[in-house]
Protein backbone atom coordinates (compact mmCIF):
# COMPACT_ATOMS: atom_id res chain seq x y z
CA UNK A 1 -20.76 9.33 -9.11
CA UNK A 2 -24.13 10.18 -10.69
CA UNK A 3 -24.97 10.61 -14.38
CA UNK A 4 -24.54 14.38 -14.14
CA UNK A 5 -21.00 13.93 -12.79
CA UNK A 6 -20.22 11.40 -15.53
CA UNK A 7 -21.16 13.96 -18.17
CA UNK A 8 -18.57 16.34 -16.72
CA UNK A 9 -15.69 13.96 -17.53
CA UNK A 10 -13.48 14.73 -20.52
CA UNK A 11 -12.62 11.54 -22.39
CA UNK A 12 -9.91 11.86 -25.07
CA UNK A 13 -10.44 11.50 -28.83
CA UNK A 14 -10.31 7.71 -28.42
CA UNK A 15 -13.00 7.82 -25.76
CA UNK A 16 -10.54 7.01 -22.96
CA UNK A 17 -9.62 8.56 -19.63
CA UNK A 18 -6.53 7.65 -17.56
CA UNK A 19 -7.24 6.11 -14.16
CA UNK A 20 -4.65 6.20 -11.38
CA UNK A 21 -5.26 3.22 -9.07
CA UNK A 22 -4.26 3.84 -5.44
CA UNK A 23 -4.29 1.63 -2.35
CA UNK A 24 -7.00 3.16 -0.17
CA UNK A 25 -5.15 2.31 3.06
CA UNK A 26 -1.49 3.00 2.31
CA UNK A 27 -2.08 5.55 -0.49
CA UNK A 28 0.55 3.75 -2.58
CA UNK A 29 0.01 4.17 -6.34
CA UNK A 30 -0.59 0.69 -7.73
CA UNK A 31 -0.97 1.20 -11.46
CA UNK A 32 -2.08 3.49 -14.28
CA UNK A 33 -4.75 2.14 -16.61
CA UNK A 34 -7.41 3.48 -18.96
CA UNK A 35 -11.18 3.43 -18.83
CA UNK A 36 -13.83 4.20 -21.39
CA UNK A 37 -17.43 5.07 -20.54
CA UNK A 38 -18.47 1.40 -20.55
CA UNK A 39 -15.67 0.16 -18.29
CA UNK A 40 -16.24 3.09 -15.91
CA UNK A 41 -19.94 2.24 -15.68
CA UNK A 42 -19.08 -1.42 -15.01
CA UNK A 43 -16.67 -0.29 -12.29
CA UNK A 44 -19.42 1.76 -10.67
CA UNK A 45 -22.00 -1.04 -11.01
CA UNK A 46 -19.84 -3.91 -9.75
CA UNK A 47 -17.66 -2.10 -7.19
CA UNK A 48 -14.54 -3.60 -8.80
CA UNK A 49 -12.16 -2.11 -11.36
CA UNK A 50 -12.79 -2.59 -15.07
CA UNK A 51 -10.48 -1.14 -17.71
CA UNK A 52 -10.16 -0.79 -21.47
CA UNK A 53 -7.15 -2.49 -23.05
CA UNK A 54 -5.65 -0.27 -25.75
CA UNK A 55 -3.65 -3.17 -27.20
CA UNK A 56 -6.52 -5.69 -27.31
CA UNK A 57 -9.24 -3.09 -27.85
CA UNK A 58 -11.54 -4.71 -25.32
CA UNK A 59 -12.78 -4.39 -21.75
CA UNK A 60 -11.02 -6.33 -19.01
CA UNK A 61 -11.95 -6.99 -15.43
CA UNK A 62 -8.91 -6.68 -13.14
CA UNK A 63 -8.29 -10.01 -11.41
CA UNK A 64 -10.82 -12.00 -13.43
CA UNK A 65 -8.26 -14.72 -14.15
CA UNK A 66 -5.62 -14.09 -11.44
CA UNK A 67 -8.01 -13.42 -8.58
CA UNK A 68 -6.14 -10.18 -7.80
CA UNK A 69 -9.28 -8.06 -7.92
CA UNK A 70 -9.56 -4.50 -6.70
CA UNK A 71 -12.56 -3.43 -4.63
CA UNK A 72 -13.39 0.21 -5.25
CA UNK A 73 -13.66 2.50 -2.24
CA UNK A 74 -13.80 5.92 -3.88
CA UNK A 75 -13.48 7.52 -7.33
CA UNK A 76 -12.60 11.18 -7.80
CA UNK A 77 -11.47 13.26 -10.76
CA UNK A 78 -9.05 16.14 -11.22
CA UNK A 79 -9.72 19.84 -11.81
CA UNK A 80 -9.72 19.41 -15.61
CA UNK A 81 -11.98 16.34 -15.36
CA UNK A 82 -9.64 14.44 -17.66
CA UNK A 83 -8.17 11.87 -15.25
CA UNK A 84 -9.50 9.66 -12.47
CA UNK A 85 -8.15 8.69 -9.05
CA UNK A 86 -9.53 5.32 -7.98
CA UNK A 87 -8.96 4.28 -4.38
CA UNK A 88 -9.21 0.52 -3.95
CA UNK A 89 -8.74 -2.33 -1.55
CA UNK A 90 -6.39 -4.66 -3.49
CA UNK A 91 -7.02 -8.38 -3.12
CA UNK A 92 -3.57 -9.23 -4.47
CA UNK A 93 -0.67 -7.72 -6.45
CA UNK A 94 -1.59 -5.02 -8.95
CA UNK A 95 1.25 -5.84 -11.36
CA UNK A 96 1.30 -8.85 -13.70
CA UNK A 97 4.90 -9.46 -12.54
CA UNK A 98 3.65 -10.27 -9.05
CA UNK A 99 4.83 -6.97 -7.57
CA UNK A 100 2.36 -5.14 -5.35
CA UNK A 101 2.64 -2.00 -7.49
CA UNK A 102 3.56 -1.55 -11.15
CA UNK A 103 5.85 1.28 -10.03
CA UNK A 104 8.63 -0.81 -8.51
CA UNK A 105 11.52 0.46 -10.67
CA UNK A 106 13.43 3.47 -9.31
CA UNK A 107 14.68 6.23 -11.61
CA UNK A 108 15.76 8.54 -8.76
CA UNK A 109 16.31 7.22 -5.25
CA UNK A 110 15.64 9.21 -2.11
CA UNK A 111 18.69 11.21 -1.10
CA UNK A 112 18.24 11.02 2.68
CA UNK A 113 16.84 8.43 5.03
CA UNK A 114 14.90 11.24 6.74
CA UNK A 115 12.54 11.21 3.77
CA UNK A 116 11.75 7.52 4.23
CA UNK A 117 8.26 6.69 5.51
CA UNK A 118 7.05 3.58 7.27
CA UNK A 119 5.74 1.94 4.10
CA UNK A 120 8.98 2.64 2.26
CA UNK A 121 11.04 1.14 5.06
CA UNK A 122 8.79 -1.93 4.97
CA UNK A 123 9.33 -2.17 1.20
CA UNK A 124 13.11 -1.92 1.64
CA UNK A 125 13.01 -4.68 4.27
CA UNK A 126 10.95 -6.83 1.90
CA UNK A 127 13.51 -6.26 -0.85
CA UNK A 128 16.35 -7.34 1.46
CA UNK A 129 14.46 -10.54 2.16
CA UNK A 130 14.05 -11.28 -1.56
CA UNK A 131 17.51 -10.11 -2.63
CA UNK A 132 20.15 -10.78 0.02
CA UNK A 133 22.77 -8.02 0.21
CA UNK A 134 26.21 -8.73 1.63
CA UNK A 135 26.91 -6.68 4.74
CA UNK A 136 23.25 -5.79 5.24
CA UNK A 137 22.02 -6.04 8.85
CA UNK A 138 18.50 -6.79 7.58
CA UNK A 139 19.81 -9.67 5.47
CA UNK A 140 21.71 -10.91 8.55
CA UNK A 141 18.50 -10.96 10.61
CA UNK A 142 16.60 -12.94 7.98
CA UNK A 143 19.48 -15.42 7.72
CA UNK A 144 19.51 -15.86 11.51
CA UNK A 145 15.76 -16.49 11.60
CA UNK A 146 12.84 -15.82 13.90
CA UNK A 147 14.57 -16.57 17.22
CA UNK A 148 17.17 -13.85 16.60
CA UNK A 149 14.51 -11.37 15.47
CA UNK A 150 12.35 -12.06 18.52
CA UNK A 151 15.39 -11.68 20.79
CA UNK A 152 16.09 -8.26 19.29
CA UNK A 153 12.46 -7.19 19.72
CA UNK A 154 12.62 -8.23 23.37
CA UNK A 155 15.81 -6.25 23.87
CA UNK A 156 14.49 -3.14 22.15
CA UNK A 157 11.22 -3.31 24.12
CA UNK A 158 13.25 -3.30 27.34
CA UNK A 159 15.25 -0.32 26.09
CA UNK A 160 12.04 1.61 25.37
CA UNK A 161 10.84 0.93 28.91
CA UNK A 162 14.16 2.09 30.38
CA UNK A 163 14.07 5.26 28.27
CA UNK A 164 10.57 6.02 29.49
CA UNK A 165 11.53 5.44 33.12
CA UNK A 166 14.49 7.78 32.65
CA UNK A 167 12.16 10.40 31.12
CA UNK A 168 14.71 10.76 28.31
CA UNK A 169 12.96 11.90 25.10
CA UNK A 170 16.03 11.50 22.89
CA UNK A 171 16.66 7.97 24.17
CA UNK A 172 12.97 7.13 23.73
CA UNK A 173 13.00 8.31 20.11
CA UNK A 174 16.08 6.23 19.34
CA UNK A 175 14.79 3.08 21.00
CA UNK A 176 11.28 3.34 19.55
CA UNK A 177 12.86 3.66 16.09
CA UNK A 178 14.88 0.48 16.77
CA UNK A 179 11.79 -1.36 18.02
CA UNK A 180 9.76 -0.23 15.00
CA UNK A 181 12.44 -1.42 12.59
CA UNK A 182 12.76 -4.86 14.19
CA UNK A 183 8.97 -5.19 14.36
CA UNK A 184 8.78 -4.48 10.61
CA UNK A 185 11.38 -7.20 10.01
CA UNK A 186 9.22 -9.65 12.00
CA UNK A 187 6.13 -8.54 10.08
CA UNK A 188 7.88 -9.23 6.78
CA UNK A 189 8.96 -12.66 7.99
CA UNK A 190 5.38 -13.46 9.08
CA UNK A 191 3.83 -11.93 5.93
CA UNK A 192 1.97 -9.22 7.85
CA UNK A 193 1.85 -5.88 6.01
CA UNK A 194 1.52 -2.33 7.31
CA UNK A 195 -1.80 -2.28 5.45
CA UNK A 196 -3.00 -5.28 7.49
CA UNK A 197 -2.18 -3.45 10.72
CA UNK A 198 -3.85 -0.21 9.59
CA UNK A 199 -7.00 -2.10 8.59
CA UNK A 200 -7.13 -3.82 11.98
CA UNK A 201 -6.75 -0.48 13.76
CA UNK A 202 -9.48 1.02 11.56
CA UNK A 203 -11.82 -1.87 12.44
CA UNK A 204 -11.20 -1.33 16.15
CA UNK A 205 -11.90 2.38 15.81
CA UNK A 206 -15.14 1.62 13.94
CA UNK A 207 -16.26 -0.79 16.67
CA UNK A 208 -15.55 1.77 19.41
CA UNK A 209 -17.38 4.43 17.40
CA UNK A 210 -20.45 2.17 17.11
CA UNK A 211 -20.33 1.46 20.85
CA UNK A 212 -20.43 5.16 21.62
CA UNK A 213 -23.55 5.57 19.48
CA UNK A 214 -25.49 2.83 21.27
């Protein structure tokens, strides 16, 4: 963002502009903070997020004391130039409570499971691990431990193979969904996130792309 672009921004009467911080890989909204011209310039200069604290009336560098810094990947602004969208690579939880995102409280839950994405399913599985729920199959798996989870993954992998051999699309869809779910449970147990997997896939794609250019 050059100086000309900076002059286009509309800071409020207090000299602030809201900044929505988003995980660059998962696109999950991590937090909402405020920047002034100085903190925005520091963000651009250092490649890490700096904000202005309205309560303390001072600049603060995200993660300076906790280590949970945020490396900036991209900054854009909206059509009115009065708010920022900052895509980052988080190096730890965004929230001071230890939660990955500050938006972990639900005012309205999703009405159907069809609306649930992969990241949301992973978050639900993580919640079941932290807060055991009676009658929950996910809670049961965590209580049984890794051997049970691995056994289920083996079983579901075999079912996927059988579905493919039978050329049965409906069966394949069902079994792949089962395998995906149990894999996410294993990932949670082993502290591997969907973001970790996406980053690894992106690195592999980058390597292949470089090979093609040689």
